[in-house]
PDB file of all heavy atoms in Angstrom:
ATOM      1  N   TYR A   1       5.683   9.264 -12.281  1.00  0.00           N
ATOM      2  CA  TYR A   1       6.845   8.570 -11.739  1.00  0.00           C
ATOM      3  C   TYR A   1       6.848   8.546 -10.201  1.00  0.00           C
ATOM      4  O   TYR A   1       6.991   7.483  -9.593  1.00  0.00           O
ATOM      5  CB  TYR A   1       8.138   9.209 -12.265  1.00  0.00           C
ATOM      6  CG  TYR A   1       9.391   8.495 -11.833  1.00  0.00           C
ATOM      7  CD1 TYR A   1       9.752   7.281 -12.412  1.00  0.00           C
ATOM      8  CD2 TYR A   1      10.210   9.028 -10.848  1.00  0.00           C
ATOM      9  CE1 TYR A   1      10.901   6.622 -12.017  1.00  0.00           C
ATOM     10  CE2 TYR A   1      11.363   8.368 -10.447  1.00  0.00           C
ATOM     11  CZ  TYR A   1      11.704   7.166 -11.027  1.00  0.00           C
ATOM     12  OH  TYR A   1      12.842   6.512 -10.635  1.00  0.00           O
ATOM     13  N   ALA A   2       6.681   9.691  -9.569  1.00  0.00           N
ATOM     14  CA  ALA A   2       6.724   9.762  -8.104  1.00  0.00           C
ATOM     15  C   ALA A   2       5.598   8.941  -7.483  1.00  0.00           C
ATOM     16  O   ALA A   2       5.807   8.221  -6.500  1.00  0.00           O
ATOM     17  CB  ALA A   2       6.652  11.208  -7.630  1.00  0.00           C
ATOM     18  N   MET A   3       4.415   9.020  -8.054  1.00  0.00           N
ATOM     19  CA  MET A   3       3.284   8.272  -7.498  1.00  0.00           C
ATOM     20  C   MET A   3       3.453   6.770  -7.727  1.00  0.00           C
ATOM     21  O   MET A   3       3.073   5.962  -6.881  1.00  0.00           O
ATOM     22  CB  MET A   3       1.963   8.758  -8.085  1.00  0.00           C
ATOM     23  CG  MET A   3       1.607  10.193  -7.696  1.00  0.00           C
ATOM     24  SD  MET A   3       1.439  10.451  -5.905  1.00  0.00           S
ATOM     25  CE  MET A   3       2.951  11.322  -5.511  1.00  0.00           C
ATOM     26  N   HIS A   4       4.057   6.400  -8.852  1.00  0.00           N
ATOM     27  CA  HIS A   4       4.327   4.973  -9.110  1.00  0.00           C
ATOM     28  C   HIS A   4       5.304   4.424  -8.066  1.00  0.00           C
ATOM     29  O   HIS A   4       5.083   3.344  -7.502  1.00  0.00           O
ATOM     30  CB  HIS A   4       4.877   4.781 -10.524  1.00  0.00           C
ATOM     31  CG  HIS A   4       5.188   3.360 -10.842  1.00  0.00           C
ATOM     32  ND1 HIS A   4       4.220   2.424 -11.104  1.00  0.00           N
ATOM     33  CD2 HIS A   4       6.369   2.705 -10.898  1.00  0.00           C
ATOM     34  CE1 HIS A   4       4.791   1.255 -11.314  1.00  0.00           C
ATOM     35  NE2 HIS A   4       6.090   1.402 -11.207  1.00  0.00           N
ATOM     36  N   LEU A   5       6.379   5.160  -7.790  1.00  0.00           N
ATOM     37  CA  LEU A   5       7.343   4.716  -6.780  1.00  0.00           C
ATOM     38  C   LEU A   5       6.705   4.675  -5.395  1.00  0.00           C
ATOM     39  O   LEU A   5       6.974   3.761  -4.604  1.00  0.00           O
ATOM     40  CB  LEU A   5       8.566   5.628  -6.766  1.00  0.00           C
ATOM     41  CG  LEU A   5       9.507   5.536  -7.965  1.00  0.00           C
ATOM     42  CD1 LEU A   5      10.680   6.485  -7.786  1.00  0.00           C
ATOM     43  CD2 LEU A   5      10.000   4.116  -8.187  1.00  0.00           C
ATOM     44  N   THR A   6       5.863   5.648  -5.101  1.00  0.00           N
ATOM     45  CA  THR A   6       5.177   5.668  -3.813  1.00  0.00           C
ATOM     46  C   THR A   6       4.258   4.458  -3.681  1.00  0.00           C
ATOM     47  O   THR A   6       4.230   3.793  -2.636  1.00  0.00           O
ATOM     48  CB  THR A   6       4.394   6.984  -3.637  1.00  0.00           C
ATOM     49  OG1 THR A   6       5.326   8.078  -3.658  1.00  0.00           O
ATOM     50  CG2 THR A   6       3.613   7.002  -2.334  1.00  0.00           C
ATOM     51  N   MET A   7       3.510   4.137  -4.731  1.00  0.00           N
ATOM     52  CA  MET A   7       2.618   2.972  -4.696  1.00  0.00           C
ATOM     53  C   MET A   7       3.416   1.691  -4.516  1.00  0.00           C
ATOM     54  O   MET A   7       3.024   0.798  -3.752  1.00  0.00           O
ATOM     55  CB  MET A   7       1.776   2.889  -5.975  1.00  0.00           C
ATOM     56  CG  MET A   7       0.836   1.700  -6.008  1.00  0.00           C
ATOM     57  SD  MET A   7      -0.412   1.710  -4.704  1.00  0.00           S
ATOM     58  CE  MET A   7      -1.554   2.895  -5.409  1.00  0.00           C
ATOM     59  N   THR A   8       4.541   1.587  -5.204  1.00  0.00           N
ATOM     60  CA  THR A   8       5.382   0.399  -5.070  1.00  0.00           C
ATOM     61  C   THR A   8       5.860   0.248  -3.632  1.00  0.00           C
ATOM     62  O   THR A   8       5.789  -0.843  -3.046  1.00  0.00           O
ATOM     63  CB  THR A   8       6.586   0.468  -6.034  1.00  0.00           C
ATOM     64  OG1 THR A   8       6.081   0.541  -7.373  1.00  0.00           O
ATOM     65  CG2 THR A   8       7.508  -0.734  -5.886  1.00  0.00           C
ATOM     66  N   GLU A   9       6.321   1.339  -3.042  1.00  0.00           N
ATOM     67  CA  GLU A   9       6.791   1.306  -1.653  1.00  0.00           C
ATOM     68  C   GLU A   9       5.657   0.972  -0.693  1.00  0.00           C
ATOM     69  O   GLU A   9       5.827   0.176   0.237  1.00  0.00           O
ATOM     70  CB  GLU A   9       7.440   2.648  -1.278  1.00  0.00           C
ATOM     71  CG  GLU A   9       7.986   2.686   0.131  1.00  0.00           C
ATOM     72  CD  GLU A   9       9.148   1.737   0.391  1.00  0.00           C
ATOM     73  OE1 GLU A   9       9.779   1.246  -0.561  1.00  0.00           O
ATOM     74  OE2 GLU A   9       9.426   1.476   1.578  1.00  0.00           O
ATOM     75  N   LEU A  10       4.481   1.548  -0.907  1.00  0.00           N
ATOM     76  CA  LEU A  10       3.326   1.263  -0.054  1.00  0.00           C
ATOM     77  C   LEU A  10       2.959  -0.220  -0.119  1.00  0.00           C
ATOM     78  O   LEU A  10       2.751  -0.865   0.915  1.00  0.00           O
ATOM     79  CB  LEU A  10       2.131   2.128  -0.455  1.00  0.00           C
ATOM     80  CG  LEU A  10       0.833   1.867   0.307  1.00  0.00           C
ATOM     81  CD1 LEU A  10       0.999   2.205   1.792  1.00  0.00           C
ATOM     82  CD2 LEU A  10      -0.305   2.683  -0.307  1.00  0.00           C
ATOM     83  N   ALA A  11       2.895  -0.771  -1.320  1.00  0.00           N
ATOM     84  CA  ALA A  11       2.551  -2.185  -1.482  1.00  0.00           C
ATOM     85  C   ALA A  11       3.592  -3.077  -0.807  1.00  0.00           C
ATOM     86  O   ALA A  11       3.256  -4.075  -0.161  1.00  0.00           O
ATOM     87  CB  ALA A  11       2.418  -2.532  -2.964  1.00  0.00           C
ATOM     88  N   GLN A  12       4.863  -2.715  -0.933  1.00  0.00           N
ATOM     89  CA  GLN A  12       5.914  -3.502  -0.296  1.00  0.00           C
ATOM     90  C   GLN A  12       5.831  -3.413   1.223  1.00  0.00           C
ATOM     91  O   GLN A  12       6.016  -4.407   1.922  1.00  0.00           O
ATOM     92  CB  GLN A  12       7.286  -3.069  -0.796  1.00  0.00           C
ATOM     93  CG  GLN A  12       7.529  -3.504  -2.221  1.00  0.00           C
ATOM     94  CD  GLN A  12       8.869  -3.048  -2.769  1.00  0.00           C
ATOM     95  OE1 GLN A  12       9.586  -2.271  -2.145  1.00  0.00           O
ATOM     96  NE2 GLN A  12       9.207  -3.529  -3.943  1.00  0.00           N
ATOM     97  N   MET A  13       5.532  -2.218   1.740  1.00  0.00           N
ATOM     98  CA  MET A  13       5.378  -2.063   3.185  1.00  0.00           C
ATOM     99  C   MET A  13       4.211  -2.910   3.687  1.00  0.00           C
ATOM    100  O   MET A  13       4.324  -3.580   4.710  1.00  0.00           O
ATOM    101  CB  MET A  13       5.171  -0.595   3.555  1.00  0.00           C
ATOM    102  CG  MET A  13       6.411   0.257   3.397  1.00  0.00           C
ATOM    103  SD  MET A  13       6.075   2.014   3.638  1.00  0.00           S
ATOM    104  CE  MET A  13       6.122   2.116   5.434  1.00  0.00           C
ATOM    105  N   CYS A  14       3.090  -2.877   2.980  1.00  0.00           N
ATOM    106  CA  CYS A  14       1.920  -3.659   3.381  1.00  0.00           C
ATOM    107  C   CYS A  14       2.215  -5.151   3.320  1.00  0.00           C
ATOM    108  O   CYS A  14       1.748  -5.917   4.164  1.00  0.00           O
ATOM    109  CB  CYS A  14       0.720  -3.318   2.508  1.00  0.00           C
ATOM    110  SG  CYS A  14       0.047  -1.669   2.820  1.00  0.00           S
ATOM    111  N   GLY A  15       3.007  -5.558   2.360  1.00  0.00           N
ATOM    112  CA  GLY A  15       3.351  -6.969   2.194  1.00  0.00           C
ATOM    113  C   GLY A  15       4.414  -7.477   3.139  1.00  0.00           C
ATOM    114  O   GLY A  15       4.694  -8.681   3.171  1.00  0.00           O
ATOM    115  N   ARG A  16       5.001  -6.601   3.908  1.00  0.00           N
ATOM    116  CA  ARG A  16       6.072  -6.992   4.824  1.00  0.00           C
ATOM    117  C   ARG A  16       5.622  -8.075   5.801  1.00  0.00           C
ATOM    118  O   ARG A  16       6.398  -8.918   6.219  1.00  0.00           O
ATOM    119  CB  ARG A  16       6.526  -5.745   5.609  1.00  0.00           C
ATOM    120  CG  ARG A  16       7.758  -5.858   6.383  1.00  0.00           C
ATOM    121  CD  ARG A  16       9.055  -5.798   5.601  1.00  0.00           C
ATOM    122  NE  ARG A  16       9.047  -4.898   4.483  1.00  0.00           N
ATOM    123  CZ  ARG A  16       9.383  -5.260   3.224  1.00  0.00           C
ATOM    124  NH1 ARG A  16       9.762  -6.474   2.964  1.00  0.00           N
ATOM    125  NH2 ARG A  16       9.361  -4.405   2.243  1.00  0.00           N
ATOM    126  N   ILE A  17       4.324  -8.088   6.181  1.00  0.00           N
ATOM    127  CA  ILE A  17       3.843  -9.048   7.179  1.00  0.00           C
ATOM    128  C   ILE A  17       3.033 -10.194   6.572  1.00  0.00           C
ATOM    129  O   ILE A  17       2.688 -11.132   7.281  1.00  0.00           O
ATOM    130  CB  ILE A  17       3.028  -8.349   8.286  1.00  0.00           C
ATOM    131  CG1 ILE A  17       1.756  -7.718   7.743  1.00  0.00           C
ATOM    132  CG2 ILE A  17       3.895  -7.330   9.014  1.00  0.00           C
ATOM    133  CD1 ILE A  17       0.808  -7.195   8.806  1.00  0.00           C
ATOM    134  N   CYS A  18       2.701 -10.123   5.302  1.00  0.00           N
ATOM    135  CA  CYS A  18       1.964 -11.196   4.618  1.00  0.00           C
ATOM    136  C   CYS A  18       2.831 -11.678   3.466  1.00  0.00           C
ATOM    137  O   CYS A  18       2.858 -11.058   2.410  1.00  0.00           O
ATOM    138  CB  CYS A  18       0.613 -10.694   4.098  1.00  0.00           C
ATOM    139  SG  CYS A  18      -0.524 -10.254   5.403  1.00  0.00           S
ATOM    140  N   ARG A  19       3.516 -12.797   3.663  1.00  0.00           N
ATOM    141  CA  ARG A  19       4.538 -13.224   2.720  1.00  0.00           C
ATOM    142  C   ARG A  19       4.141 -14.408   1.847  1.00  0.00           C
ATOM    143  O   ARG A  19       4.880 -14.783   0.958  1.00  0.00           O
ATOM    144  CB  ARG A  19       5.824 -13.565   3.475  1.00  0.00           C
ATOM    145  CG  ARG A  19       6.320 -12.453   4.384  1.00  0.00           C
ATOM    146  CD  ARG A  19       6.557 -11.172   3.652  1.00  0.00           C
ATOM    147  NE  ARG A  19       7.799 -11.247   2.913  1.00  0.00           N
ATOM    148  CZ  ARG A  19       8.275 -10.292   2.153  1.00  0.00           C
ATOM    149  NH1 ARG A  19       7.619  -9.170   2.011  1.00  0.00           N
ATOM    150  NH2 ARG A  19       9.401 -10.453   1.524  1.00  0.00           N
ATOM    151  N   ASN A  20       2.984 -15.005   2.115  1.00  0.00           N
ATOM    152  CA  ASN A  20       2.527 -16.120   1.294  1.00  0.00           C
ATOM    153  C   ASN A  20       1.010 -16.212   1.384  1.00  0.00           C
ATOM    154  O   ASN A  20       0.390 -15.489   2.163  1.00  0.00           O
ATOM    155  CB  ASN A  20       3.211 -17.431   1.704  1.00  0.00           C
ATOM    156  CG  ASN A  20       2.931 -17.800   3.144  1.00  0.00           C
ATOM    157  OD1 ASN A  20       1.790 -18.041   3.535  1.00  0.00           O
ATOM    158  ND2 ASN A  20       3.988 -17.830   3.966  1.00  0.00           N
ATOM    159  N   GLU A  21       0.415 -17.082   0.605  1.00  0.00           N
ATOM    160  CA  GLU A  21      -1.051 -17.138   0.526  1.00  0.00           C
ATOM    161  C   GLU A  21      -1.711 -17.609   1.813  1.00  0.00           C
ATOM    162  O   GLU A  21      -2.893 -17.352   2.031  1.00  0.00           O
ATOM    163  CB  GLU A  21      -1.513 -17.986  -0.665  1.00  0.00           C
ATOM    164  CG  GLU A  21      -1.032 -19.419  -0.672  1.00  0.00           C
ATOM    165  CD  GLU A  21       0.373 -19.606  -1.240  1.00  0.00           C
ATOM    166  OE1 GLU A  21       0.932 -18.667  -1.838  1.00  0.00           O
ATOM    167  OE2 GLU A  21       0.925 -20.697  -1.053  1.00  0.00           O
ATOM    168  N   LYS A  22      -0.993 -18.270   2.692  1.00  0.00           N
ATOM    169  CA  LYS A  22      -1.573 -18.721   3.965  1.00  0.00           C
ATOM    170  C   LYS A  22      -1.279 -17.757   5.117  1.00  0.00           C
ATOM    171  O   LYS A  22      -1.830 -17.911   6.197  1.00  0.00           O
ATOM    172  CB  LYS A  22      -1.059 -20.113   4.305  1.00  0.00           C
ATOM    173  CG  LYS A  22      -1.567 -21.168   3.341  1.00  0.00           C
ATOM    174  CD  LYS A  22      -1.085 -22.532   3.738  1.00  0.00           C
ATOM    175  CE  LYS A  22      -1.603 -23.551   2.727  1.00  0.00           C
ATOM    176  NZ  LYS A  22      -1.130 -24.889   3.021  1.00  0.00           N
ATOM    177  N   ASP A  23      -0.413 -16.816   4.889  1.00  0.00           N
ATOM    178  CA  ASP A  23      -0.055 -15.835   5.911  1.00  0.00           C
ATOM    179  C   ASP A  23      -1.153 -14.778   5.994  1.00  0.00           C
ATOM    180  O   ASP A  23      -1.898 -14.561   5.052  1.00  0.00           O
ATOM    181  CB  ASP A  23       1.285 -15.183   5.532  1.00  0.00           C
ATOM    182  CG  ASP A  23       2.043 -14.641   6.727  1.00  0.00           C
ATOM    183  OD1 ASP A  23       1.530 -14.705   7.856  1.00  0.00           O
ATOM    184  OD2 ASP A  23       3.160 -14.147   6.513  1.00  0.00           O
ATOM    185  N   TRP A  24      -1.254 -14.105   7.116  1.00  0.00           N
ATOM    186  CA  TRP A  24      -2.263 -13.062   7.262  1.00  0.00           C
ATOM    187  C   TRP A  24      -1.763 -11.993   8.233  1.00  0.00           C
ATOM    188  O   TRP A  24      -0.894 -12.228   9.053  1.00  0.00           O
ATOM    189  CB  TRP A  24      -3.599 -13.630   7.744  1.00  0.00           C
ATOM    190  CG  TRP A  24      -3.515 -14.339   9.072  1.00  0.00           C
ATOM    191  CD1 TRP A  24      -3.192 -15.648   9.270  1.00  0.00           C
ATOM    192  CD2 TRP A  24      -3.712 -13.769  10.362  1.00  0.00           C
ATOM    193  NE1 TRP A  24      -3.191 -15.941  10.599  1.00  0.00           N
ATOM    194  CE2 TRP A  24      -3.515 -14.809  11.305  1.00  0.00           C
ATOM    195  CE3 TRP A  24      -4.041 -12.502  10.822  1.00  0.00           C
ATOM    196  CZ2 TRP A  24      -3.637 -14.597  12.672  1.00  0.00           C
ATOM    197  CZ3 TRP A  24      -4.163 -12.298  12.185  1.00  0.00           C
ATOM    198  CH2 TRP A  24      -3.961 -13.339  13.093  1.00  0.00           C
ATOM    199  N   GLY A  25      -2.327 -10.818   8.093  1.00  0.00           N
ATOM    200  CA  GLY A  25      -1.998  -9.703   8.965  1.00  0.00           C
ATOM    201  C   GLY A  25      -2.850  -8.506   8.607  1.00  0.00           C
ATOM    202  O   GLY A  25      -3.473  -8.458   7.546  1.00  0.00           O
ATOM    203  N   GLU A  26      -2.876  -7.551   9.485  1.00  0.00           N
ATOM    204  CA  GLU A  26      -3.687  -6.341   9.333  1.00  0.00           C
ATOM    205  C   GLU A  26      -2.760  -5.137   9.246  1.00  0.00           C
ATOM    206  O   GLU A  26      -1.848  -4.997  10.059  1.00  0.00           O
ATOM    207  CB  GLU A  26      -4.602  -6.217  10.552  1.00  0.00           C
ATOM    208  CG  GLU A  26      -5.417  -4.969  10.622  1.00  0.00           C
ATOM    209  CD  GLU A  26      -6.228  -4.889  11.912  1.00  0.00           C
ATOM    210  OE1 GLU A  26      -5.819  -5.454  12.947  1.00  0.00           O
ATOM    211  OE2 GLU A  26      -7.282  -4.245  11.873  1.00  0.00           O
ATOM    212  N   THR A  27      -2.994  -4.284   8.262  1.00  0.00           N
ATOM    213  CA  THR A  27      -2.226  -3.048   8.123  1.00  0.00           C
ATOM    214  C   THR A  27      -3.172  -1.875   8.272  1.00  0.00           C
ATOM    215  O   THR A  27      -4.214  -1.825   7.628  1.00  0.00           O
ATOM    216  CB  THR A  27      -1.525  -2.975   6.753  1.00  0.00           C
ATOM    217  OG1 THR A  27      -0.581  -4.053   6.662  1.00  0.00           O
ATOM    218  CG2 THR A  27      -0.784  -1.656   6.576  1.00  0.00           C
ATOM    219  N   ILE A  28      -2.791  -0.952   9.124  1.00  0.00           N
ATOM    220  CA  ILE A  28      -3.573   0.262   9.334  1.00  0.00           C
ATOM    221  C   ILE A  28      -2.705   1.437   8.914  1.00  0.00           C
ATOM    222  O   ILE A  28      -1.571   1.573   9.374  1.00  0.00           O
ATOM    223  CB  ILE A  28      -3.986   0.405  10.814  1.00  0.00           C
ATOM    224  CG1 ILE A  28      -4.863  -0.779  11.217  1.00  0.00           C
ATOM    225  CG2 ILE A  28      -4.681   1.739  11.058  1.00  0.00           C
ATOM    226  CD1 ILE A  28      -5.044  -0.930  12.698  1.00  0.00           C
ATOM    227  N   VAL A  29      -3.243   2.274   8.025  1.00  0.00           N
ATOM    228  CA  VAL A  29      -2.529   3.471   7.579  1.00  0.00           C
ATOM    229  C   VAL A  29      -3.172   4.664   8.276  1.00  0.00           C
ATOM    230  O   VAL A  29      -4.355   4.947   8.080  1.00  0.00           O
ATOM    231  CB  VAL A  29      -2.595   3.630   6.045  1.00  0.00           C
ATOM    232  CG1 VAL A  29      -1.815   4.863   5.610  1.00  0.00           C
ATOM    233  CG2 VAL A  29      -2.065   2.382   5.346  1.00  0.00           C
ATOM    234  N   LEU A  30      -2.404   5.355   9.105  1.00  0.00           N
ATOM    235  CA  LEU A  30      -2.940   6.471   9.876  1.00  0.00           C
ATOM    236  C   LEU A  30      -3.027   7.772   9.091  1.00  0.00           C
ATOM    237  O   LEU A  30      -3.762   8.669   9.469  1.00  0.00           O
ATOM    238  CB  LEU A  30      -2.084   6.708  11.126  1.00  0.00           C
ATOM    239  CG  LEU A  30      -2.058   5.578  12.148  1.00  0.00           C
ATOM    240  CD1 LEU A  30      -1.191   5.978  13.335  1.00  0.00           C
ATOM    241  CD2 LEU A  30      -3.452   5.200  12.595  1.00  0.00           C
ATOM    242  N   ASP A  31      -2.279   7.871   8.025  1.00  0.00           N
ATOM    243  CA  ASP A  31      -2.203   9.089   7.228  1.00  0.00           C
ATOM    244  C   ASP A  31      -3.489   9.265   6.416  1.00  0.00           C
ATOM    245  O   ASP A  31      -3.832   8.430   5.584  1.00  0.00           O
ATOM    246  CB  ASP A  31      -0.990   8.990   6.298  1.00  0.00           C
ATOM    247  CG  ASP A  31      -0.679  10.255   5.542  1.00  0.00           C
ATOM    248  OD1 ASP A  31      -1.537  11.158   5.483  1.00  0.00           O
ATOM    249  OD2 ASP A  31       0.432  10.332   4.987  1.00  0.00           O
ATOM    250  N   ASN A  32      -4.201  10.354   6.654  1.00  0.00           N
ATOM    251  CA  ASN A  32      -5.440  10.612   5.908  1.00  0.00           C
ATOM    252  C   ASN A  32      -5.200  10.745   4.407  1.00  0.00           C
ATOM    253  O   ASN A  32      -6.141  10.649   3.625  1.00  0.00           O
ATOM    254  CB  ASN A  32      -6.131  11.866   6.423  1.00  0.00           C
ATOM    255  CG  ASN A  32      -6.890  11.604   7.701  1.00  0.00           C
ATOM    256  OD1 ASN A  32      -7.137  10.468   8.079  1.00  0.00           O
ATOM    257  ND2 ASN A  32      -7.241  12.664   8.395  1.00  0.00           N
ATOM    258  N   ASN A  33      -3.962  10.967   4.005  1.00  0.00           N
ATOM    259  CA  ASN A  33      -3.654  11.050   2.576  1.00  0.00           C
ATOM    260  C   ASN A  33      -3.881   9.729   1.842  1.00  0.00           C
ATOM    261  O   ASN A  33      -3.933   9.715   0.617  1.00  0.00           O
ATOM    262  CB  ASN A  33      -2.204  11.509   2.366  1.00  0.00           C
ATOM    263  CG  ASN A  33      -2.051  12.985   2.627  1.00  0.00           C
ATOM    264  OD1 ASN A  33      -2.785  13.801   2.097  1.00  0.00           O
ATOM    265  ND2 ASN A  33      -1.090  13.330   3.474  1.00  0.00           N
ATOM    266  N   ILE A  34      -4.044   8.633   2.564  1.00  0.00           N
ATOM    267  CA  ILE A  34      -4.261   7.339   1.911  1.00  0.00           C
ATOM    268  C   ILE A  34      -5.530   7.370   1.064  1.00  0.00           C
ATOM    269  O   ILE A  34      -5.581   6.753   0.002  1.00  0.00           O
ATOM    270  CB  ILE A  34      -4.286   6.170   2.934  1.00  0.00           C
ATOM    271  CG1 ILE A  34      -4.216   4.820   2.223  1.00  0.00           C
ATOM    272  CG2 ILE A  34      -5.489   6.242   3.844  1.00  0.00           C
ATOM    273  CD1 ILE A  34      -2.933   4.530   1.521  1.00  0.00           C
ATOM    274  N   GLY A  35      -6.552   8.092   1.503  1.00  0.00           N
ATOM    275  CA  GLY A  35      -7.812   8.151   0.757  1.00  0.00           C
ATOM    276  C   GLY A  35      -7.637   8.736  -0.627  1.00  0.00           C
ATOM    277  O   GLY A  35      -7.937   8.095  -1.632  1.00  0.00           O
ATOM    278  N   TRP A  36      -7.133   9.956  -0.699  1.00  0.00           N
ATOM    279  CA  TRP A  36      -6.967  10.580  -2.019  1.00  0.00           C
ATOM    280  C   TRP A  36      -5.874   9.884  -2.820  1.00  0.00           C
ATOM    281  O   TRP A  36      -5.967   9.775  -4.033  1.00  0.00           O
ATOM    282  CB  TRP A  36      -6.741  12.089  -1.936  1.00  0.00           C
ATOM    283  CG  TRP A  36      -5.383  12.537  -1.487  1.00  0.00           C
ATOM    284  CD1 TRP A  36      -5.042  12.991  -0.264  1.00  0.00           C
ATOM    285  CD2 TRP A  36      -4.182  12.583  -2.278  1.00  0.00           C
ATOM    286  NE1 TRP A  36      -3.701  13.287  -0.219  1.00  0.00           N
ATOM    287  CE2 TRP A  36      -3.153  13.062  -1.453  1.00  0.00           C
ATOM    288  CE3 TRP A  36      -3.888  12.263  -3.595  1.00  0.00           C
ATOM    289  CZ2 TRP A  36      -1.848  13.231  -1.892  1.00  0.00           C
ATOM    290  CZ3 TRP A  36      -2.578  12.428  -4.038  1.00  0.00           C
ATOM    291  CH2 TRP A  36      -1.583  12.911  -3.189  1.00  0.00           C
ATOM    292  N   PHE A  37      -4.829   9.373  -2.124  1.00  0.00           N
ATOM    293  CA  PHE A  37      -3.761   8.695  -2.848  1.00  0.00           C
ATOM    294  C   PHE A  37      -4.310   7.477  -3.591  1.00  0.00           C
ATOM    295  O   PHE A  37      -4.032   7.288  -4.774  1.00  0.00           O
ATOM    296  CB  PHE A  37      -2.633   8.280  -1.898  1.00  0.00           C
ATOM    297  CG  PHE A  37      -1.550   7.509  -2.585  1.00  0.00           C
ATOM    298  CD1 PHE A  37      -0.644   8.150  -3.410  1.00  0.00           C
ATOM    299  CD2 PHE A  37      -1.461   6.127  -2.445  1.00  0.00           C
ATOM    300  CE1 PHE A  37       0.352   7.436  -4.086  1.00  0.00           C
ATOM    301  CE2 PHE A  37      -0.478   5.407  -3.107  1.00  0.00           C
ATOM    302  CZ  PHE A  37       0.426   6.063  -3.924  1.00  0.00           C
ATOM    303  N   MET A  38      -5.101   6.662  -2.918  1.00  0.00           N
ATOM    304  CA  MET A  38      -5.646   5.465  -3.562  1.00  0.00           C
ATOM    305  C   MET A  38      -6.695   5.817  -4.609  1.00  0.00           C
ATOM    306  O   MET A  38      -6.752   5.178  -5.661  1.00  0.00           O
ATOM    307  CB  MET A  38      -6.222   4.502  -2.522  1.00  0.00           C
ATOM    308  CG  MET A  38      -5.152   3.824  -1.670  1.00  0.00           C
ATOM    309  SD  MET A  38      -3.872   2.939  -2.604  1.00  0.00           S
ATOM    310  CE  MET A  38      -4.838   1.611  -3.332  1.00  0.00           C
ATOM    311  N   ARG A  39      -7.508   6.828  -4.358  1.00  0.00           N
ATOM    312  CA  ARG A  39      -8.492   7.237  -5.372  1.00  0.00           C
ATOM    313  C   ARG A  39      -7.789   7.716  -6.636  1.00  0.00           C
ATOM    314  O   ARG A  39      -8.202   7.411  -7.744  1.00  0.00           O
ATOM    315  CB  ARG A  39      -9.398   8.351  -4.839  1.00  0.00           C
ATOM    316  CG  ARG A  39     -10.521   7.867  -3.946  1.00  0.00           C
ATOM    317  CD  ARG A  39     -11.529   8.961  -3.654  1.00  0.00           C
ATOM    318  NE  ARG A  39     -10.973  10.152  -3.028  1.00  0.00           N
ATOM    319  CZ  ARG A  39     -10.795  10.323  -1.714  1.00  0.00           C
ATOM    320  NH1 ARG A  39     -11.138   9.363  -0.880  1.00  0.00           N
ATOM    321  NH2 ARG A  39     -10.297  11.432  -1.242  1.00  0.00           N
ATOM    322  N   SER A  40      -6.721   8.468  -6.462  1.00  0.00           N
ATOM    323  CA  SER A  40      -6.016   9.058  -7.603  1.00  0.00           C
ATOM    324  C   SER A  40      -5.030   8.110  -8.276  1.00  0.00           C
ATOM    325  O   SER A  40      -4.722   8.278  -9.450  1.00  0.00           O
ATOM    326  CB  SER A  40      -5.238  10.300  -7.150  1.00  0.00           C
ATOM    327  OG  SER A  40      -6.105  11.245  -6.585  1.00  0.00           O
ATOM    328  N   ASN A  41      -4.506   7.150  -7.535  1.00  0.00           N
ATOM    329  CA  ASN A  41      -3.402   6.335  -8.037  1.00  0.00           C
ATOM    330  C   ASN A  41      -3.638   4.837  -7.935  1.00  0.00           C
ATOM    331  O   ASN A  41      -2.716   4.046  -8.119  1.00  0.00           O
ATOM    332  CB  ASN A  41      -2.113   6.686  -7.277  1.00  0.00           C
ATOM    333  CG  ASN A  41      -1.757   8.136  -7.431  1.00  0.00           C
ATOM    334  OD1 ASN A  41      -1.310   8.556  -8.490  1.00  0.00           O
ATOM    335  ND2 ASN A  41      -1.991   8.924  -6.389  1.00  0.00           N
ATOM    336  N   GLY A  42      -4.859   4.432  -7.664  1.00  0.00           N
ATOM    337  CA  GLY A  42      -5.170   3.014  -7.512  1.00  0.00           C
ATOM    338  C   GLY A  42      -4.775   2.183  -8.718  1.00  0.00           C
ATOM    339  O   GLY A  42      -4.419   1.014  -8.582  1.00  0.00           O
ATOM    340  N   GLY A  43      -4.817   2.780  -9.906  1.00  0.00           N
ATOM    341  CA  GLY A  43      -4.435   2.063 -11.122  1.00  0.00           C
ATOM    342  C   GLY A  43      -2.959   1.710 -11.174  1.00  0.00           C
ATOM    343  O   GLY A  43      -2.551   0.876 -11.982  1.00  0.00           O
ATOM    344  N   LEU A  44      -2.155   2.314 -10.326  1.00  0.00           N
ATOM    345  CA  LEU A  44      -0.720   2.012 -10.279  1.00  0.00           C
ATOM    346  C   LEU A  44      -0.402   0.839  -9.354  1.00  0.00           C
ATOM    347  O   LEU A  44       0.732   0.380  -9.310  1.00  0.00           O
ATOM    348  CB  LEU A  44       0.064   3.241  -9.807  1.00  0.00           C
ATOM    349  CG  LEU A  44      -0.058   4.500 -10.661  1.00  0.00           C
ATOM    350  CD1 LEU A  44       0.639   5.671  -9.971  1.00  0.00           C
ATOM    351  CD2 LEU A  44       0.524   4.270 -12.044  1.00  0.00           C
TER     352      LEU A  44
END
């Protein structure tokens, strides 16, 4: 549950600057936890 909500929030944060198929932007995550988080929870 917690990881699902975290993934949802992360995806929404990343999507804040790309709102349609022609829009573009770059997101950089400074937190080193992104590596293990995505490896462990990418399926969410």
